[in-house]
Amino acid sequence: MKKANQTRPGRSRTGVRAVMTGQVGVEKKPFLERVAQIARRHGHEVAVCHVGDMMYAEAPDVVPGRILDLPRARLDALRRSVFKDILRIAERADHVLVNTHATFRWRHGLFPAFDHDQMRDLDADLYFTLVDSVDAVHQRLARDHVLEHSLKDILVWREEEVLTTEVLSRILRGHGHHYVIARGHEADTAEMVYRLMFEPQLRKVYPSYPMTHVMDLPAVQAEIAEFRRILGEHFITFDPSDLDEKRLLIEAGNATGRGDRTFTVEVLGQPMEFSVIEVSSVANDIDGQIYARDFKLIDQSDLIVSYIPELPNGKPSLSSGVERELQHAFESTKEVYVVWKARSEPSPFVTRTATRVFRSLREAFEHFQSRGYVRDFQLRLDEVTAG
């Protein structure tokens, strides 16, 4: 099997080096092991280096979970020693994945979890930040960690990881080497990270579609689900619904209407209680991060494909969110494709921002095939409603 070649001018090595950051509670370790397993099935050996585990192994006197309580001088020296080992591993390995944090916010305040000179020596090709919904992170922290936190803390930590990693990647590698990865369905997301590492020729797509407007329309939801599935088979897709936090705000609103102070939702298969007051207090933060994250997902894509289904009344299900995504993609000079399923004609606000408008997903994929974006594509008649 042909090895991935990520060599840039002035660098003799081949192979892929990648760094994944993420806040405590997103469980990067099992996720990266899954990525390595997928790579192994495709003939690529990936060395996975977990900085935290390696630090504890080098400091057996430190009680598990207490390493951040060390004096900064020892903590920094320990991290540098471990990263020297990682650099030696990277020189020998075909490919390497480094699991680390970008920042820590602890009793020392906010401080970096890396050293710039060692990151420069690693010279990673790709930087990922793994994110998950605030309720999922909260559940894992309550289950696995003795760590006082609020929902606000989780949102702040996530934002700090994303921003710091993006700034680091831009300084060391320039534009376009940092990706925000939402966990979503773990197997699919791990496959996506594998593709970003070893199949860089695949186009990266942001699938755009209505969400809130179709919550009570199962037939339309099924149609959109098929659109997302098929798109994911042929492209690397950054799907906005892989991280769903809006449901917390909806449930908090419903609880307020009932006069309840708390509400319970299922998180990672377990019931979990939330305070209406606490969720309401971070509503602006959640909405703001959804807005910023969706635009980031568009920015890290090559093109956007928007699916506009027809509602039972014959009108198009075109939300303000989808319109804003189309406008942002257009202004970011991305290719903008719209699959317009409604019988009515699309408005100029759609056609003026679209590279092409199609009447069916089949028509869209025929175009993608003609452009060389997909190969050997055959869409069965039963795969998408009305072809």
Protein backbone atom coordinates (compact mmCIF):
# COMPACT_ATOMS: atom_id res chain seq x y z
CA MET A 1 0.00 0.00 0.00
CA LYS A 2 1.29 3.47 -0.85
CA LYS A 3 2.44 5.37 2.20
CA ALA A 4 1.12 8.85 2.88
CA ASN A 5 3.71 11.47 2.00
CA GLN A 6 3.34 14.71 3.85
CA THR A 7 6.88 15.93 3.23
CA ARG A 8 7.19 19.67 2.80
CA PRO A 9 10.09 21.56 1.17
CA GLY A 10 13.25 21.46 3.27
CA ARG A 11 12.20 18.37 5.22
CA SER A 12 13.51 14.95 4.27
CA ARG A 13 11.21 12.74 6.31
CA THR A 14 8.03 11.13 5.06
CA GLY A 15 5.05 9.95 7.04
CA VAL A 16 2.46 11.84 9.04
CA ARG A 17 2.92 13.58 12.36
CA ALA A 18 -0.21 14.85 14.09
CA VAL A 19 -1.08 16.45 17.40
CA MET A 20 -4.47 16.16 19.06
CA THR A 21 -5.48 18.48 21.87
CA GLY A 22 -8.67 18.64 23.88
CA GLN A 23 -9.95 19.47 27.33
CA VAL A 24 -10.14 16.99 30.17
CA GLY A 25 -13.28 14.88 29.86
CA VAL A 26 -13.33 14.31 26.09
CA GLU A 27 -11.44 11.00 26.41
CA LYS A 28 -8.82 11.52 23.72
CA LYS A 29 -6.86 8.40 24.63
CA PRO A 30 -9.38 5.71 23.54
CA PHE A 31 -10.34 7.85 20.57
CA LEU A 32 -6.75 8.02 19.28
CA GLU A 33 -6.24 4.31 19.86
CA ARG A 34 -9.25 3.75 17.61
CA VAL A 35 -7.68 5.98 14.94
CA ALA A 36 -4.48 3.93 15.16
CA GLN A 37 -6.46 0.69 14.78
CA ILE A 38 -8.13 2.02 11.63
CA ALA A 39 -4.74 3.07 10.26
CA ARG A 40 -3.32 -0.36 11.02
CA ARG A 41 -6.12 -2.04 9.07
CA HIS A 42 -5.07 0.06 6.08
CA GLY A 43 -1.40 -0.84 6.41
CA HIS A 44 -0.15 2.21 8.35
CA GLU A 45 1.64 1.80 11.68
CA VAL A 46 1.00 4.78 13.94
CA ALA A 47 2.83 5.38 17.22
CA VAL A 48 0.42 7.00 19.69
CA CYS A 49 2.09 9.03 22.44
CA HIS A 50 -0.05 10.04 25.42
CA VAL A 51 1.83 12.86 27.12
CA GLY A 52 -0.10 12.57 30.40
CA ASP A 53 0.50 8.83 30.78
CA MET A 54 4.17 9.25 29.94
CA MET A 55 4.54 12.00 32.57
CA TYR A 56 3.01 9.82 35.27
CA ALA A 57 5.26 6.91 34.22
CA GLU A 58 8.32 9.13 34.58
CA ALA A 59 7.17 10.42 37.98
CA PRO A 60 5.95 7.34 39.90
CA ASP A 61 5.94 9.32 43.16
CA VAL A 62 3.06 11.50 41.94
CA VAL A 63 -0.40 10.38 43.04
CA PRO A 64 -2.72 9.77 40.04
CA GLY A 65 -4.82 12.85 39.30
CA ARG A 66 -2.50 15.20 41.24
CA ILE A 67 0.19 15.99 38.68
CA LEU A 68 -1.00 19.59 38.19
CA ASP A 69 -0.41 20.21 41.89
CA LEU A 70 3.35 19.94 41.32
CA PRO A 71 5.39 23.14 41.41
CA ARG A 72 5.48 24.70 37.96
CA ALA A 73 9.23 24.23 37.65
CA ARG A 74 9.02 20.46 38.17
CA LEU A 75 5.89 20.15 36.04
CA ASP A 76 7.55 21.97 33.13
CA ALA A 77 10.76 19.96 33.46
CA LEU A 78 8.81 16.70 33.53
CA ARG A 79 6.86 17.65 30.43
CA ARG A 80 10.03 18.63 28.55
CA SER A 81 11.69 15.34 29.46
CA VAL A 82 8.70 13.36 28.18
CA PHE A 83 8.53 15.35 24.97
CA LYS A 84 12.21 14.62 24.29
CA ASP A 85 11.23 10.94 24.38
CA ILE A 86 8.37 11.67 21.97
CA LEU A 87 10.75 13.39 19.54
CA ARG A 88 12.97 10.29 19.57
CA ILE A 89 9.94 8.07 18.95
CA ALA A 90 8.87 10.31 16.07
CA GLU A 91 12.26 9.92 14.41
CA ARG A 92 11.88 6.12 14.38
CA ALA A 93 8.15 5.73 13.75
CA ASP A 94 6.46 5.67 10.35
CA HIS A 95 3.70 7.92 11.67
CA VAL A 96 3.00 9.48 15.05
CA LEU A 97 -0.02 10.84 16.93
CA VAL A 98 0.61 12.96 20.02
CA ASN A 99 -2.13 13.26 22.63
CA THR A 100 -1.73 16.39 24.73
CA HIS A 101 -3.51 19.40 26.13
CA ALA A 102 -2.90 22.85 24.72
CA THR A 103 -3.56 24.65 28.01
CA PHE A 104 -4.17 24.03 31.68
CA ARG A 105 -6.24 26.17 34.01
CA TRP A 106 -5.32 25.19 37.56
CA ARG A 107 -4.16 26.71 40.80
CA HIS A 108 -1.28 28.23 38.85
CA GLY A 109 -3.84 30.03 36.69
CA LEU A 110 -3.95 29.54 32.91
CA PHE A 111 -0.71 28.24 31.42
CA PRO A 112 0.46 26.37 28.30
CA ALA A 113 0.76 22.59 28.20
CA PHE A 114 3.52 22.57 25.58
CA ASP A 115 6.87 24.16 24.78
CA HIS A 116 7.12 26.04 21.51
CA ASP A 117 10.63 24.86 20.67
CA GLN A 118 9.70 21.20 21.08
CA MET A 119 6.53 21.62 19.04
CA ARG A 120 8.67 23.24 16.36
CA ASP A 121 11.04 20.27 16.45
CA LEU A 122 8.13 17.84 16.17
CA ASP A 123 7.03 19.73 13.07
CA ALA A 124 3.56 18.17 12.98
CA ASP A 125 1.66 18.13 9.71
CA LEU A 126 -1.79 18.33 11.30
CA TYR A 127 -3.29 19.70 14.50
CA PHE A 128 -6.65 18.47 15.78
CA THR A 129 -8.77 19.66 18.68
CA LEU A 130 -11.27 17.04 19.83
CA VAL A 131 -14.45 18.55 21.25
CA ASP A 132 -17.62 17.12 22.72
CA SER A 133 -20.90 18.48 24.00
CA VAL A 134 -20.88 20.21 27.37
CA ASP A 135 -23.26 17.66 28.90
CA ALA A 136 -21.11 14.70 27.80
CA VAL A 137 -17.95 16.28 29.21
CA HIS A 138 -19.80 17.12 32.43
CA GLN A 139 -20.96 13.51 32.76
CA ARG A 140 -17.43 12.11 32.30
CA LEU A 141 -15.92 14.60 34.74
CA ALA A 142 -18.51 13.69 37.37
CA ARG A 143 -17.98 9.96 36.71
CA ASP A 144 -14.21 9.69 36.34
CA HIS A 145 -12.57 12.77 37.87
CA VAL A 146 -12.52 14.53 41.23
CA LEU A 147 -12.60 17.96 39.66
CA GLU A 148 -14.84 20.80 40.75
CA HIS A 149 -16.33 22.46 37.71
CA SER A 150 -19.34 24.25 36.30
CA LEU A 151 -20.85 24.19 32.82
CA LYS A 152 -19.26 27.60 32.30
CA ASP A 153 -15.84 26.12 33.15
CA ILE A 154 -16.30 23.38 30.55
CA LEU A 155 -17.21 25.89 27.86
CA VAL A 156 -14.25 28.12 28.73
CA TRP A 157 -11.78 25.21 28.77
CA ARG A 158 -13.02 24.05 25.37
CA GLU A 159 -12.67 27.49 23.84
CA GLU A 160 -9.15 27.87 25.24
CA GLU A 161 -8.06 24.52 23.76
CA VAL A 162 -9.44 25.34 20.32
CA LEU A 163 -7.99 28.85 20.15
CA THR A 164 -4.55 27.95 21.53
CA THR A 165 -4.15 24.98 19.20
CA GLU A 166 -5.22 27.01 16.17
CA VAL A 167 -2.78 29.80 17.00
CA LEU A 168 0.03 27.27 17.50
CA SER A 169 -0.69 25.55 14.20
CA ARG A 170 -0.79 28.86 12.31
CA ILE A 171 2.55 29.95 13.80
CA LEU A 172 4.26 26.65 13.00
CA ARG A 173 2.51 25.54 9.80
CA GLY A 174 0.41 28.39 8.45
CA HIS A 175 -3.24 28.43 7.42
CA GLY A 176 -5.26 25.25 6.97
CA HIS A 177 -3.54 22.72 9.24
CA HIS A 178 -5.86 22.86 12.26
CA TYR A 179 -9.16 20.98 12.45
CA VAL A 180 -11.86 21.00 15.09
CA ILE A 181 -13.17 17.44 15.40
CA ALA A 182 -16.52 16.83 17.12
CA ARG A 183 -16.75 13.33 18.60
CA GLY A 184 -20.23 12.56 17.27
CA HIS A 185 -20.42 8.86 16.49
CA GLU A 186 -16.94 7.81 17.57
CA ALA A 187 -16.33 5.19 14.86
CA ASP A 188 -17.24 7.63 12.08
CA THR A 189 -15.24 10.49 13.61
CA ALA A 190 -12.15 8.32 14.09
CA GLU A 191 -12.45 7.27 10.45
CA MET A 192 -12.56 10.95 9.50
CA VAL A 193 -9.32 11.67 11.39
CA TYR A 194 -7.72 8.70 9.61
CA ARG A 195 -8.82 10.14 6.26
CA LEU A 196 -7.43 13.57 7.10
CA MET A 197 -4.10 11.96 7.91
CA PHE A 198 -3.80 9.44 5.10
CA GLU A 199 -6.25 10.40 2.35
CA PRO A 200 -5.62 14.13 1.88
CA GLN A 201 -6.85 13.94 -1.70
CA LEU A 202 -10.45 13.61 -0.49
CA ARG A 203 -12.51 16.79 -0.56
CA LYS A 204 -13.61 18.18 2.79
CA VAL A 205 -17.31 19.08 2.94
CA TYR A 206 -19.58 20.95 5.33
CA PRO A 207 -23.09 19.47 5.05
CA SER A 208 -25.67 22.20 5.60
CA TYR A 209 -29.32 21.44 6.30
CA PRO A 210 -32.24 22.63 8.46
CA MET A 211 -32.40 21.31 12.03
CA THR A 212 -34.84 23.09 14.33
CA HIS A 213 -37.39 23.63 11.54
CA VAL A 214 -37.80 19.89 10.93
CA MET A 215 -37.66 18.52 14.49
CA ASP A 216 -41.30 17.37 14.30
CA LEU A 217 -41.11 16.00 10.74
CA PRO A 218 -39.72 12.44 10.86
CA ALA A 219 -40.00 11.88 7.11
CA VAL A 220 -37.97 15.00 6.36
CA GLN A 221 -35.48 14.08 9.09
CA ALA A 222 -35.02 10.66 7.49
CA GLU A 223 -34.39 12.32 4.13
CA ILE A 224 -31.74 14.58 5.65
CA ALA A 225 -30.14 11.62 7.44
CA GLU A 226 -29.74 9.84 4.09
CA PHE A 227 -28.19 12.96 2.61
CA ARG A 228 -25.68 13.12 5.46
CA ARG A 229 -24.89 9.40 5.21
CA ILE A 230 -24.23 9.42 1.48
CA LEU A 231 -22.16 12.58 1.67
CA GLY A 232 -20.08 11.00 4.44
CA GLU A 233 -19.35 7.93 2.31
CA HIS A 234 -17.68 9.95 -0.44
CA PHE A 235 -16.18 12.96 1.34
CA ILE A 236 -14.58 13.98 4.61
CA THR A 237 -17.54 15.68 6.27
CA PHE A 238 -17.57 18.12 9.17
CA ASP A 239 -21.16 17.63 10.29
CA PRO A 240 -22.57 20.34 12.61
CA SER A 241 -24.96 17.90 14.28
CA ASP A 242 -22.07 15.78 15.61
CA LEU A 243 -22.17 18.10 18.60
CA ASP A 244 -25.69 18.86 19.87
CA GLU A 245 -25.93 21.26 22.80
CA LYS A 246 -29.05 23.14 21.76
CA ARG A 247 -31.14 20.40 23.35
CA LEU A 248 -30.01 21.55 26.80
CA LEU A 249 -31.41 25.01 26.17
CA ILE A 250 -34.66 23.56 24.81
CA GLU A 251 -35.07 21.29 27.83
CA ALA A 252 -34.28 24.15 30.21
CA GLY A 253 -36.96 26.23 28.49
CA ASN A 254 -39.49 23.40 28.78
CA ALA A 255 -38.66 22.97 32.47
CA THR A 256 -39.12 26.70 33.04
CA GLY A 257 -42.54 26.47 31.43
CA ARG A 258 -43.47 23.67 33.84
CA GLY A 259 -42.17 25.64 36.81
CA ASP A 260 -39.39 23.10 37.49
CA ARG A 261 -35.98 24.05 38.85
CA THR A 262 -34.24 21.01 37.39
CA PHE A 263 -34.63 18.68 34.43
CA THR A 264 -33.19 15.29 33.50
CA VAL A 265 -31.80 14.21 30.13
CA GLU A 266 -29.98 11.09 28.96
CA VAL A 267 -26.24 11.65 28.58
CA LEU A 268 -23.99 8.86 27.31
CA GLY A 269 -26.73 6.37 28.07
CA GLN A 270 -27.28 7.56 31.64
CA PRO A 271 -29.88 9.94 33.14
CA MET A 272 -28.35 13.20 34.37
CA GLU A 273 -29.94 16.09 36.21
CA PHE A 274 -29.24 19.71 35.33
CA SER A 275 -30.13 22.97 37.02
CA VAL A 276 -32.38 25.25 34.96
CA ILE A 277 -30.62 28.30 36.40
CA GLU A 278 -27.13 27.02 35.53
CA VAL A 279 -28.06 25.99 31.98
CA SER A 280 -29.86 29.28 31.39
CA SER A 281 -26.82 31.19 32.66
CA VAL A 282 -24.64 29.72 29.88
CA ALA A 283 -27.24 29.99 27.09
CA ASN A 284 -25.39 32.87 25.41
CA ASP A 285 -22.09 30.99 25.66
CA ILE A 286 -23.58 27.86 24.08
CA ASP A 287 -25.22 29.83 21.26
CA GLY A 288 -22.06 31.83 20.68
CA GLN A 289 -19.88 28.74 20.45
CA ILE A 290 -22.34 27.00 18.11
CA TYR A 291 -22.20 30.05 15.83
CA ALA A 292 -18.40 30.27 15.90
CA ARG A 293 -17.83 26.51 15.63
CA ASP A 294 -20.09 26.05 12.61
CA PHE A 295 -18.24 28.83 10.80
CA LYS A 296 -14.93 27.20 11.76
CA LEU A 297 -16.17 23.89 10.28
CA ILE A 298 -17.00 25.72 7.06
CA ASP A 299 -13.60 27.41 7.05
CA GLN A 300 -11.80 24.05 7.35
CA SER A 301 -13.83 22.59 4.45
CA ASP A 302 -13.25 22.82 0.71
CA LEU A 303 -16.92 23.16 -0.13
CA ILE A 304 -20.38 23.33 1.39
CA VAL A 305 -23.30 21.21 0.22
CA SER A 306 -26.67 22.42 1.44
CA TYR A 307 -29.75 20.21 1.32
CA ILE A 308 -33.10 22.04 1.24
CA PRO A 309 -36.00 19.58 1.54
CA GLU A 310 -39.62 20.33 0.79
CA LEU A 311 -42.02 20.70 3.73
CA PRO A 312 -45.45 19.00 3.72
CA ASN A 313 -47.03 22.32 2.71
CA GLY A 314 -44.84 22.46 -0.41
CA LYS A 315 -42.57 25.22 0.85
CA PRO A 316 -38.79 24.88 1.11
CA SER A 317 -37.32 24.24 4.56
CA LEU A 318 -34.81 27.05 4.39
CA SER A 319 -33.77 28.30 7.83
CA SER A 320 -31.96 31.52 8.62
CA GLY A 321 -29.06 29.42 9.88
CA VAL A 322 -28.65 27.68 6.52
CA GLU A 323 -28.84 31.00 4.69
CA ARG A 324 -26.14 32.42 6.94
CA GLU A 325 -23.94 29.37 6.35
CA LEU A 326 -24.30 29.75 2.60
CA GLN A 327 -23.39 33.43 2.83
CA HIS A 328 -20.36 32.73 5.03
CA ALA A 329 -19.11 29.99 2.68
CA PHE A 330 -19.58 32.27 -0.33
CA GLU A 331 -17.71 35.14 1.34
CA SER A 332 -14.95 32.67 2.32
CA THR A 333 -14.58 31.84 -1.40
CA LYS A 334 -15.64 28.22 -0.91
CA GLU A 335 -17.50 26.23 -3.54
CA VAL A 336 -21.19 26.43 -2.59
CA TYR A 337 -23.61 23.75 -3.79
CA VAL A 338 -27.32 23.61 -3.04
CA VAL A 339 -29.62 20.62 -3.51
CA TRP A 340 -33.04 22.31 -3.80
CA LYS A 341 -35.86 19.77 -3.46
CA ALA A 342 -38.81 22.17 -3.21
CA ARG A 343 -41.06 22.78 -6.20
CA SER A 344 -40.81 26.55 -5.82
CA GLU A 345 -37.86 28.37 -7.32
CA PRO A 346 -34.97 29.32 -5.00
CA SER A 347 -34.66 33.00 -4.15
CA PRO A 348 -31.78 35.20 -5.34
CA PHE A 349 -30.37 35.01 -1.80
CA VAL A 350 -29.68 31.34 -2.59
CA THR A 351 -28.78 31.49 -6.27
CA ARG A 352 -26.48 34.52 -5.86
CA THR A 353 -24.32 32.70 -3.30
CA ALA A 354 -24.39 29.24 -4.92
CA THR A 355 -21.80 27.87 -7.31
CA ARG A 356 -24.49 25.51 -8.61
CA VAL A 357 -28.08 24.64 -7.64
CA PHE A 358 -29.28 21.07 -8.21
CA ARG A 359 -32.76 19.58 -8.11
CA SER A 360 -31.62 16.21 -6.77
CA LEU A 361 -28.71 14.63 -4.97
CA ARG A 362 -28.18 12.40 -7.99
CA GLU A 363 -27.68 15.48 -10.16
CA ALA A 364 -25.25 16.91 -7.61
CA PHE A 365 -23.16 13.74 -7.50
CA GLU A 366 -23.04 13.50 -11.27
CA HIS A 367 -21.52 16.97 -11.19
CA PHE A 368 -19.06 15.97 -8.45
CA GLN A 369 -18.05 12.96 -10.51
CA SER A 370 -17.47 15.13 -13.57
CA ARG A 371 -15.24 17.37 -11.44
CA GLY A 372 -13.26 14.39 -10.18
CA TYR A 373 -14.42 14.83 -6.59
CA VAL A 374 -15.83 11.29 -6.39
CA ARG A 375 -15.10 8.11 -8.31
CA ASP A 376 -17.21 5.10 -9.20
CA PHE A 377 -20.32 6.75 -7.87
CA GLN A 378 -23.67 5.07 -8.39
CA LEU A 379 -26.67 6.31 -6.45
CA ARG A 380 -29.41 3.76 -6.04
CA LEU A 381 -32.96 4.98 -6.56
CA ASP A 382 -33.91 4.05 -3.00
CA GLU A 383 -30.99 5.89 -1.40
CA VAL A 384 -32.53 9.35 -1.43
CA THR A 385 -36.18 10.28 -1.63
CA ALA A 386 -37.09 11.42 -5.15
CA GLY A 387 -33.59 10.66 -6.43
